[in-house]
Amino acid sequence: YGLPFEGVPQSYIDLSTMMTRMWASFIHDLDPNP
């Protein structure tokens, strides 16, 4: 019913990349930062 990243600026993609990595870091290290 619509694409979440359609027509958005690069900053949206960058935020997604940061969040994905934070979640993965937390699962791996129990800390979202490393």
Full PDB file with SEQRES, HELIX, SHEET, SSBOND, CRYST1, ORIGX, SCALE, CONECT and MASTER records, all heavy atoms in Angstrom:
SEQRES   1 A   34  TYR GLY LEU PRO PHE GLU GLY VAL PRO GLN SER TYR ILE          
SEQRES   2 A   34  ASP LEU SER THR MET MET THR ARG MET TRP ALA SER PHE          
SEQRES   3 A   34  ILE HIS ASP LEU ASP PRO ASN PRO                              
HELIX    1 AA1 GLN A   10  ASP A   29  1                                  20    
CRYST1    1.000    1.000    1.000  90.00  90.00  90.00 P 1           1          
ORIGX1      1.000000  0.000000  0.000000        0.00000                         
ORIGX2      0.000000  1.000000  0.000000        0.00000                         
ORIGX3      0.000000  0.000000  1.000000        0.00000                         
SCALE1      1.000000  0.000000  0.000000        0.00000                         
SCALE2      0.000000  1.000000  0.000000        0.00000                         
SCALE3      0.000000  0.000000  1.000000        0.00000                         
ATOM      1  N   TYR A   1       0.821  -1.216   0.000  1.00  0.00           N  
ATOM      2  CA  TYR A   1       0.000   0.000   0.000  1.00  0.00           C  
ATOM      3  C   TYR A   1       0.853   1.264   0.000  1.00  0.00           C  
ATOM      4  O   TYR A   1       0.419   2.307   0.468  1.00  0.00           O  
ATOM      5  CB  TYR A   1      -0.925  -0.018   1.218  1.00  0.00           C  
ATOM      6  CG  TYR A   1      -1.730  -1.287   1.331  1.00  0.00           C  
ATOM      7  CD1 TYR A   1      -1.387  -2.278   2.246  1.00  0.00           C  
ATOM      8  CD2 TYR A   1      -2.820  -1.525   0.490  1.00  0.00           C  
ATOM      9  CE1 TYR A   1      -2.108  -3.460   2.342  1.00  0.00           C  
ATOM     10  CE2 TYR A   1      -3.544  -2.704   0.580  1.00  0.00           C  
ATOM     11  CZ  TYR A   1      -3.194  -3.664   1.500  1.00  0.00           C  
ATOM     12  OH  TYR A   1      -3.909  -4.835   1.583  1.00  0.00           O  
ATOM     13  N   GLY A   2       2.065   1.178  -0.509  1.00  0.00           N  
ATOM     14  CA  GLY A   2       2.975   2.321  -0.538  1.00  0.00           C  
ATOM     15  C   GLY A   2       4.359   1.905  -0.110  1.00  0.00           C  
ATOM     16  O   GLY A   2       4.523   1.010   0.733  1.00  0.00           O  
ATOM     17  N   LEU A   3       5.373   2.532  -0.677  1.00  0.00           N  
ATOM     18  CA  LEU A   3       6.755   2.174  -0.400  1.00  0.00           C  
ATOM     19  C   LEU A   3       7.375   3.167   0.580  1.00  0.00           C  
ATOM     20  O   LEU A   3       7.358   4.377   0.338  1.00  0.00           O  
ATOM     21  CB  LEU A   3       7.562   2.149  -1.703  1.00  0.00           C  
ATOM     22  CG  LEU A   3       7.043   1.175  -2.773  1.00  0.00           C  
ATOM     23  CD1 LEU A   3       7.874   1.301  -4.045  1.00  0.00           C  
ATOM     24  CD2 LEU A   3       7.058  -0.252  -2.250  1.00  0.00           C  
ATOM     25  N   PRO A   4       7.919   2.702   1.687  1.00  0.00           N  
ATOM     26  CA  PRO A   4       8.385   3.618   2.745  1.00  0.00           C  
ATOM     27  C   PRO A   4       9.532   4.523   2.338  1.00  0.00           C  
ATOM     28  O   PRO A   4       9.686   5.615   2.899  1.00  0.00           O  
ATOM     29  CB  PRO A   4       8.795   2.669   3.877  1.00  0.00           C  
ATOM     30  CG  PRO A   4       8.992   1.344   3.240  1.00  0.00           C  
ATOM     31  CD  PRO A   4       8.047   1.295   2.086  1.00  0.00           C  
ATOM     32  N   PHE A   5      10.365   4.105   1.364  1.00  0.00           N  
ATOM     33  CA  PHE A   5      11.527   4.914   0.999  1.00  0.00           C  
ATOM     34  C   PHE A   5      11.389   5.537  -0.396  1.00  0.00           C  
ATOM     35  O   PHE A   5      12.372   6.042  -0.938  1.00  0.00           O  
ATOM     36  CB  PHE A   5      12.798   4.061   1.066  1.00  0.00           C  
ATOM     37  CG  PHE A   5      13.194   3.683   2.466  1.00  0.00           C  
ATOM     38  CD1 PHE A   5      12.825   2.455   3.007  1.00  0.00           C  
ATOM     39  CD2 PHE A   5      13.918   4.556   3.259  1.00  0.00           C  
ATOM     40  CE1 PHE A   5      13.184   2.102   4.292  1.00  0.00           C  
ATOM     41  CE2 PHE A   5      14.283   4.216   4.554  1.00  0.00           C  
ATOM     42  CZ  PHE A   5      13.912   2.986   5.077  1.00  0.00           C  
ATOM     43  N   GLU A   6      10.207   5.536  -0.949  1.00  0.00           N  
ATOM     44  CA  GLU A   6      10.028   6.080  -2.294  1.00  0.00           C  
ATOM     45  C   GLU A   6      10.170   7.608  -2.273  1.00  0.00           C  
ATOM     46  O   GLU A   6       9.437   8.318  -1.585  1.00  0.00           O  
ATOM     47  CB  GLU A   6       8.657   5.700  -2.851  1.00  0.00           C  
ATOM     48  CG  GLU A   6       8.442   6.119  -4.287  1.00  0.00           C  
ATOM     49  CD  GLU A   6       7.138   5.583  -4.846  1.00  0.00           C  
ATOM     50  OE1 GLU A   6       6.175   5.427  -4.066  1.00  0.00           O  
ATOM     51  OE2 GLU A   6       7.081   5.320  -6.062  1.00  0.00           O  
ATOM     52  N   GLY A   7      11.142   8.113  -3.016  1.00  0.00           N  
ATOM     53  CA  GLY A   7      11.312   9.553  -3.156  1.00  0.00           C  
ATOM     54  C   GLY A   7      11.902  10.259  -1.958  1.00  0.00           C  
ATOM     55  O   GLY A   7      11.872  11.496  -1.897  1.00  0.00           O  
ATOM     56  N   VAL A   8      12.464   9.528  -1.008  1.00  0.00           N  
ATOM     57  CA  VAL A   8      13.010  10.166   0.191  1.00  0.00           C  
ATOM     58  C   VAL A   8      14.463  10.564  -0.040  1.00  0.00           C  
ATOM     59  O   VAL A   8      15.142  10.008  -0.901  1.00  0.00           O  
ATOM     60  CB  VAL A   8      12.914   9.229   1.411  1.00  0.00           C  
ATOM     61  CG1 VAL A   8      11.479   8.831   1.678  1.00  0.00           C  
ATOM     62  CG2 VAL A   8      13.792   7.994   1.227  1.00  0.00           C  
ATOM     63  N   PRO A   9      14.974  11.528   0.731  1.00  0.00           N  
ATOM     64  CA  PRO A   9      16.382  11.927   0.578  1.00  0.00           C  
ATOM     65  C   PRO A   9      17.329  10.869   1.134  1.00  0.00           C  
ATOM     66  O   PRO A   9      16.921   9.951   1.866  1.00  0.00           O  
ATOM     67  CB  PRO A   9      16.465  13.226   1.382  1.00  0.00           C  
ATOM     68  CG  PRO A   9      15.332  13.144   2.353  1.00  0.00           C  
ATOM     69  CD  PRO A   9      14.234  12.399   1.665  1.00  0.00           C  
ATOM     70  N   GLN A  10      18.603  11.008   0.831  1.00  0.00           N  
ATOM     71  CA  GLN A  10      19.625  10.059   1.269  1.00  0.00           C  
ATOM     72  C   GLN A  10      19.687   9.938   2.785  1.00  0.00           C  
ATOM     73  O   GLN A  10      20.044   8.883   3.325  1.00  0.00           O  
ATOM     74  CB  GLN A  10      20.994  10.484   0.722  1.00  0.00           C  
ATOM     75  CG  GLN A  10      22.145   9.559   1.091  1.00  0.00           C  
ATOM     76  CD  GLN A  10      21.986   8.155   0.526  1.00  0.00           C  
ATOM     77  OE1 GLN A  10      21.485   8.008  -0.591  1.00  0.00           O  
ATOM     78  NE2 GLN A  10      22.395   7.144   1.274  1.00  0.00           N  
ATOM     79  N   SER A  11      19.302  10.983   3.488  1.00  0.00           N  
ATOM     80  CA  SER A  11      19.365  10.943   4.950  1.00  0.00           C  
ATOM     81  C   SER A  11      18.483   9.834   5.528  1.00  0.00           C  
ATOM     82  O   SER A  11      18.779   9.292   6.595  1.00  0.00           O  
ATOM     83  CB  SER A  11      18.959  12.297   5.541  1.00  0.00           C  
ATOM     84  OG  SER A  11      17.630  12.631   5.165  1.00  0.00           O  
ATOM     85  N   TYR A  12      17.400   9.485   4.834  1.00  0.00           N  
ATOM     86  CA  TYR A  12      16.534   8.395   5.288  1.00  0.00           C  
ATOM     87  C   TYR A  12      17.267   7.051   5.166  1.00  0.00           C  
ATOM     88  O   TYR A  12      17.175   6.204   6.056  1.00  0.00           O  
ATOM     89  CB  TYR A  12      15.245   8.358   4.464  1.00  0.00           C  
ATOM     90  CG  TYR A  12      14.220   9.383   4.862  1.00  0.00           C  
ATOM     91  CD1 TYR A  12      14.491  10.746   4.810  1.00  0.00           C  
ATOM     92  CD2 TYR A  12      12.947   9.008   5.291  1.00  0.00           C  
ATOM     93  CE1 TYR A  12      13.546  11.692   5.161  1.00  0.00           C  
ATOM     94  CE2 TYR A  12      11.994   9.943   5.647  1.00  0.00           C  
ATOM     95  CZ  TYR A  12      12.301  11.287   5.589  1.00  0.00           C  
ATOM     96  OH  TYR A  12      11.363  12.228   5.941  1.00  0.00           O  
ATOM     97  N   ILE A  13      17.958   6.877   4.047  1.00  0.00           N  
ATOM     98  CA  ILE A  13      18.717   5.652   3.838  1.00  0.00           C  
ATOM     99  C   ILE A  13      19.827   5.544   4.886  1.00  0.00           C  
ATOM    100  O   ILE A  13      20.070   4.478   5.452  1.00  0.00           O  
ATOM    101  CB  ILE A  13      19.336   5.614   2.422  1.00  0.00           C  
ATOM    102  CG1 ILE A  13      18.287   5.991   1.364  1.00  0.00           C  
ATOM    103  CG2 ILE A  13      19.966   4.265   2.139  1.00  0.00           C  
ATOM    104  CD1 ILE A  13      17.117   5.079   1.287  1.00  0.00           C  
ATOM    105  N   ASP A  14      20.479   6.659   5.140  1.00  0.00           N  
ATOM    106  CA  ASP A  14      21.569   6.677   6.121  1.00  0.00           C  
ATOM    107  C   ASP A  14      21.051   6.323   7.517  1.00  0.00           C  
ATOM    108  O   ASP A  14      21.715   5.597   8.273  1.00  0.00           O  
ATOM    109  CB  ASP A  14      22.246   8.047   6.140  1.00  0.00           C  
ATOM    110  CG  ASP A  14      22.965   8.369   4.841  1.00  0.00           C  
ATOM    111  OD1 ASP A  14      23.239   7.432   4.062  1.00  0.00           O  
ATOM    112  OD2 ASP A  14      23.230   9.566   4.596  1.00  0.00           O  
ATOM    113  N   LEU A  15      19.883   6.854   7.866  1.00  0.00           N  
ATOM    114  CA  LEU A  15      19.309   6.539   9.170  1.00  0.00           C  
ATOM    115  C   LEU A  15      18.992   5.048   9.261  1.00  0.00           C  
ATOM    116  O   LEU A  15      19.263   4.402  10.284  1.00  0.00           O  
ATOM    117  CB  LEU A  15      18.043   7.360   9.420  1.00  0.00           C  
ATOM    118  CG  LEU A  15      17.306   7.044  10.731  1.00  0.00           C  
ATOM    119  CD1 LEU A  15      18.193   7.359  11.940  1.00  0.00           C  
ATOM    120  CD2 LEU A  15      15.987   7.815  10.822  1.00  0.00           C  
ATOM    121  N   SER A  16      18.431   4.491   8.198  1.00  0.00           N  
ATOM    122  CA  SER A  16      18.137   3.060   8.188  1.00  0.00           C  
ATOM    123  C   SER A  16      19.410   2.245   8.378  1.00  0.00           C  
ATOM    124  O   SER A  16      19.430   1.276   9.151  1.00  0.00           O  
ATOM    125  CB  SER A  16      17.453   2.672   6.874  1.00  0.00           C  
ATOM    126  OG  SER A  16      17.271   1.279   6.792  1.00  0.00           O  
ATOM    127  N   THR A  17      20.470   2.620   7.693  1.00  0.00           N  
ATOM    128  CA  THR A  17      21.742   1.908   7.836  1.00  0.00           C  
ATOM    129  C   THR A  17      22.237   1.963   9.275  1.00  0.00           C  
ATOM    130  O   THR A  17      22.677   0.944   9.841  1.00  0.00           O  
ATOM    131  CB  THR A  17      22.803   2.510   6.892  1.00  0.00           C  
ATOM    132  OG1 THR A  17      22.350   2.379   5.536  1.00  0.00           O  
ATOM    133  CG2 THR A  17      24.134   1.810   7.050  1.00  0.00           C  
ATOM    134  N   MET A  18      22.150   3.133   9.892  1.00  0.00           N  
ATOM    135  CA  MET A  18      22.585   3.267  11.282  1.00  0.00           C  
ATOM    136  C   MET A  18      21.733   2.409  12.208  1.00  0.00           C  
ATOM    137  O   MET A  18      22.269   1.702  13.091  1.00  0.00           O  
ATOM    138  CB  MET A  18      22.529   4.732  11.713  1.00  0.00           C  
ATOM    139  CG  MET A  18      23.051   4.959  13.136  1.00  0.00           C  
ATOM    140  SD  MET A  18      22.988   6.681  13.684  1.00  0.00           S  
ATOM    141  CE  MET A  18      21.246   6.838  14.123  1.00  0.00           C  
ATOM    142  N   MET A  19      20.406   2.431  12.017  1.00  0.00           N  
ATOM    143  CA  MET A  19      19.534   1.667  12.900  1.00  0.00           C  
ATOM    144  C   MET A  19      19.755   0.171  12.741  1.00  0.00           C  
ATOM    145  O   MET A  19      19.832  -0.573  13.729  1.00  0.00           O  
ATOM    146  CB  MET A  19      18.075   2.033  12.629  1.00  0.00           C  
ATOM    147  CG  MET A  19      17.712   3.439  13.075  1.00  0.00           C  
ATOM    148  SD  MET A  19      16.007   3.906  12.647  1.00  0.00           S  
ATOM    149  CE  MET A  19      15.062   2.752  13.667  1.00  0.00           C  
ATOM    150  N   THR A  20      19.859  -0.286  11.500  1.00  0.00           N  
ATOM    151  CA  THR A  20      20.109  -1.709  11.260  1.00  0.00           C  
ATOM    152  C   THR A  20      21.373  -2.159  11.973  1.00  0.00           C  
ATOM    153  O   THR A  20      21.410  -3.231  12.601  1.00  0.00           O  
ATOM    154  CB  THR A  20      20.241  -1.969   9.741  1.00  0.00           C  
ATOM    155  OG1 THR A  20      19.017  -1.618   9.101  1.00  0.00           O  
ATOM    156  CG2 THR A  20      20.569  -3.413   9.454  1.00  0.00           C  
ATOM    157  N   ARG A  21      22.407  -1.348  11.897  1.00  0.00           N  
ATOM    158  CA  ARG A  21      23.679  -1.703  12.527  1.00  0.00           C  
ATOM    159  C   ARG A  21      23.588  -1.626  14.049  1.00  0.00           C  
ATOM    160  O   ARG A  21      24.206  -2.431  14.752  1.00  0.00           O  
ATOM    161  CB  ARG A  21      24.783  -0.789  11.997  1.00  0.00           C  
ATOM    162  CG  ARG A  21      25.093  -1.066  10.530  1.00  0.00           C  
ATOM    163  CD  ARG A  21      26.122  -0.116   9.950  1.00  0.00           C  
ATOM    164  NE  ARG A  21      26.482  -0.521   8.588  1.00  0.00           N  
ATOM    165  CZ  ARG A  21      27.332   0.131   7.808  1.00  0.00           C  
ATOM    166  NH1 ARG A  21      27.902   1.254   8.251  1.00  0.00           N  
ATOM    167  NH2 ARG A  21      27.600  -0.309   6.598  1.00  0.00           N  
ATOM    168  N   MET A  22      22.830  -0.679  14.563  1.00  0.00           N  
ATOM    169  CA  MET A  22      22.661  -0.588  16.013  1.00  0.00           C  
ATOM    170  C   MET A  22      21.941  -1.824  16.551  1.00  0.00           C  
ATOM    171  O   MET A  22      22.338  -2.394  17.574  1.00  0.00           O  
ATOM    172  CB  MET A  22      21.890   0.682  16.373  1.00  0.00           C  
ATOM    173  CG  MET A  22      22.732   1.955  16.304  1.00  0.00           C  
ATOM    174  SD  MET A  22      21.768   3.439  16.691  1.00  0.00           S  
ATOM    175  CE  MET A  22      23.091   4.595  17.125  1.00  0.00           C  
ATOM    176  N   TRP A  23      20.893  -2.245  15.854  1.00  0.00           N  
ATOM    177  CA  TRP A  23      20.137  -3.420  16.303  1.00  0.00           C  
ATOM    178  C   TRP A  23      21.030  -4.662  16.254  1.00  0.00           C  
ATOM    179  O   TRP A  23      21.035  -5.473  17.175  1.00  0.00           O  
ATOM    180  CB  TRP A  23      18.888  -3.601  15.455  1.00  0.00           C  
ATOM    181  CG  TRP A  23      17.624  -3.012  15.990  1.00  0.00           C  
ATOM    182  CD1 TRP A  23      16.470  -3.708  16.262  1.00  0.00           C  
ATOM    183  CD2 TRP A  23      17.320  -1.646  16.310  1.00  0.00           C  
ATOM    184  NE1 TRP A  23      15.485  -2.861  16.730  1.00  0.00           N  
ATOM    185  CE2 TRP A  23      15.979  -1.587  16.767  1.00  0.00           C  
ATOM    186  CE3 TRP A  23      18.046  -0.456  16.256  1.00  0.00           C  
ATOM    187  CZ2 TRP A  23      15.367  -0.401  17.154  1.00  0.00           C  
ATOM    188  CZ3 TRP A  23      17.431   0.735  16.646  1.00  0.00           C  
ATOM    189  CH2 TRP A  23      16.119   0.753  17.091  1.00  0.00           C  
ATOM    190  N   ALA A  24      21.780  -4.814  15.146  1.00  0.00           N  
ATOM    191  CA  ALA A  24      22.678  -5.963  15.008  1.00  0.00           C  
ATOM    192  C   ALA A  24      23.763  -5.935  16.091  1.00  0.00           C  
ATOM    193  O   ALA A  24      24.109  -6.979  16.668  1.00  0.00           O  
ATOM    194  CB  ALA A  24      23.310  -5.969  13.619  1.00  0.00           C  
ATOM    195  N   SER A  25      24.296  -4.757  16.368  1.00  0.00           N  
ATOM    196  CA  SER A  25      25.318  -4.630  17.407  1.00  0.00           C  
ATOM    197  C   SER A  25      24.778  -5.029  18.767  1.00  0.00           C  
ATOM    198  O   SER A  25      25.452  -5.695  19.558  1.00  0.00           O  
ATOM    199  CB  SER A  25      25.851  -3.194  17.468  1.00  0.00           C  
ATOM    200  OG  SER A  25      26.597  -2.873  16.323  1.00  0.00           O  
ATOM    201  N   PHE A  26      23.525  -4.633  19.041  1.00  0.00           N  
ATOM    202  CA  PHE A  26      22.930  -4.978  20.330  1.00  0.00           C  
ATOM    203  C   PHE A  26      22.746  -6.486  20.451  1.00  0.00           C  
ATOM    204  O   PHE A  26      23.039  -7.079  21.498  1.00  0.00           O  
ATOM    205  CB  PHE A  26      21.592  -4.262  20.497  1.00  0.00           C  
ATOM    206  CG  PHE A  26      20.913  -4.548  21.803  1.00  0.00           C  
ATOM    207  CD1 PHE A  26      21.297  -3.887  22.956  1.00  0.00           C  
ATOM    208  CD2 PHE A  26      19.898  -5.496  21.884  1.00  0.00           C  
ATOM    209  CE1 PHE A  26      20.682  -4.159  24.175  1.00  0.00           C  
ATOM    210  CE2 PHE A  26      19.279  -5.782  23.092  1.00  0.00           C  
ATOM    211  CZ  PHE A  26      19.671  -5.111  24.238  1.00  0.00           C  
ATOM    212  N   ILE A  27      22.248  -7.118  19.398  1.00  0.00           N  
ATOM    213  CA  ILE A  27      22.069  -8.570  19.421  1.00  0.00           C  
ATOM    214  C   ILE A  27      23.407  -9.269  19.638  1.00  0.00           C  
ATOM    215  O   ILE A  27      23.498 -10.262  20.366  1.00  0.00           O  
ATOM    216  CB  ILE A  27      21.390  -9.043  18.122  1.00  0.00           C  
ATOM    217  CG1 ILE A  27      19.938  -8.535  18.064  1.00  0.00           C  
ATOM    218  CG2 ILE A  27      21.428 -10.566  18.001  1.00  0.00           C  
ATOM    219  CD1 ILE A  27      19.260  -8.737  16.717  1.00  0.00           C  
ATOM    220  N   HIS A  28      24.466  -8.718  19.055  1.00  0.00           N  
ATOM    221  CA  HIS A  28      25.784  -9.352  19.148  1.00  0.00           C  
ATOM    222  C   HIS A  28      26.490  -9.032  20.462  1.00  0.00           C  
ATOM    223  O   HIS A  28      27.074  -9.926  21.103  1.00  0.00           O  
ATOM    224  CB  HIS A  28      26.663  -8.901  17.970  1.00  0.00           C  
ATOM    225  CG  HIS A  28      27.923  -9.675  17.810  1.00  0.00           C  
ATOM    226  ND1 HIS A  28      29.075  -9.382  18.522  1.00  0.00           N  
ATOM    227  CD2 HIS A  28      28.222 -10.727  17.017  1.00  0.00           C  
ATOM    228  CE1 HIS A  28      30.024 -10.236  18.169  1.00  0.00           C  
ATOM    229  NE2 HIS A  28      29.542 -11.059  17.260  1.00  0.00           N  
ATOM    230  N   ASP A  29      26.449  -7.770  20.884  1.00  0.00           N  
ATOM    231  CA  ASP A  29      27.261  -7.306  22.023  1.00  0.00           C  
ATOM    232  C   ASP A  29      26.467  -6.835  23.234  1.00  0.00           C  
ATOM    233  O   ASP A  29      27.070  -6.460  24.248  1.00  0.00           O  
ATOM    234  CB  ASP A  29      28.144  -6.130  21.572  1.00  0.00           C  
ATOM    235  CG  ASP A  29      29.218  -6.540  20.587  1.00  0.00           C  
ATOM    236  OD1 ASP A  29      29.520  -7.743  20.506  1.00  0.00           O  
ATOM    237  OD2 ASP A  29      29.748  -5.656  19.893  1.00  0.00           O  
ATOM    238  N   LEU A  30      25.132  -6.788  23.118  1.00  0.00           N  
ATOM    239  CA  LEU A  30      24.291  -6.196  24.163  1.00  0.00           C  
ATOM    240  C   LEU A  30      24.534  -4.699  24.304  1.00  0.00           C  
ATOM    241  O   LEU A  30      24.215  -4.098  25.332  1.00  0.00           O  
ATOM    242  CB  LEU A  30      24.492  -6.894  25.516  1.00  0.00           C  
ATOM    243  CG  LEU A  30      24.273  -8.420  25.528  1.00  0.00           C  
ATOM    244  CD1 LEU A  30      24.450  -8.964  26.935  1.00  0.00           C  
ATOM    245  CD2 LEU A  30      22.907  -8.787  24.966  1.00  0.00           C  
ATOM    246  N   ASP A  31      25.081  -4.095  23.278  1.00  0.00           N  
ATOM    247  CA  ASP A  31      25.376  -2.665  23.225  1.00  0.00           C  
ATOM    248  C   ASP A  31      25.175  -2.230  21.770  1.00  0.00           C  
ATOM    249  O   ASP A  31      25.780  -2.811  20.871  1.00  0.00           O  
ATOM    250  CB  ASP A  31      26.812  -2.414  23.671  1.00  0.00           C  
ATOM    251  CG  ASP A  31      27.189  -0.936  23.735  1.00  0.00           C  
ATOM    252  OD1 ASP A  31      26.555  -0.117  23.043  1.00  0.00           O  
ATOM    253  OD2 ASP A  31      28.137  -0.614  24.475  1.00  0.00           O  
ATOM    254  N   PRO A  32      24.339  -1.227  21.508  1.00  0.00           N  
ATOM    255  CA  PRO A  32      24.055  -0.851  20.115  1.00  0.00           C  
ATOM    256  C   PRO A  32      25.143  -0.017  19.452  1.00  0.00           C  
ATOM    257  O   PRO A  32      25.031   0.287  18.258  1.00  0.00           O  
ATOM    258  CB  PRO A  32      22.769  -0.038  20.243  1.00  0.00           C  
ATOM    259  CG  PRO A  32      22.853   0.576  21.604  1.00  0.00           C  
ATOM    260  CD  PRO A  32      23.521  -0.453  22.460  1.00  0.00           C  
ATOM    261  N   ASN A  33      26.181   0.339  20.163  1.00  0.00           N  
ATOM    262  CA  ASN A  33      27.154   1.293  19.634  1.00  0.00           C  
ATOM    263  C   ASN A  33      28.349   0.716  18.877  1.00  0.00           C  
ATOM    264  O   ASN A  33      28.794   1.327  17.897  1.00  0.00           O  
ATOM    265  CB  ASN A  33      27.668   2.174  20.787  1.00  0.00           C  
ATOM    266  CG  ASN A  33      26.584   3.055  21.376  1.00  0.00           C  
ATOM    267  OD1 ASN A  33      26.116   4.002  20.751  1.00  0.00           O  
ATOM    268  ND2 ASN A  33      26.162   2.737  22.597  1.00  0.00           N  
ATOM    269  N   PRO A  34      28.922  -0.432  19.259  1.00  0.00           N  
ATOM    270  CA  PRO A  34      30.239  -0.812  18.723  1.00  0.00           C  
ATOM    271  C   PRO A  34      30.321  -0.991  17.215  1.00  0.00           C  
ATOM    272  O   PRO A  34      31.363  -0.680  16.620  1.00  0.00           O  
ATOM    273  CB  PRO A  34      30.525  -2.144  19.439  1.00  0.00           C  
ATOM    274  CG  PRO A  34      29.731  -2.097  20.677  1.00  0.00           C  
ATOM    275  CD  PRO A  34      28.480  -1.364  20.306  1.00  0.00           C  
TER     276      PRO A  34                                                      
MASTER        0    0    0    1    0    0    0    6  275    1    0    3          
END                                                                             
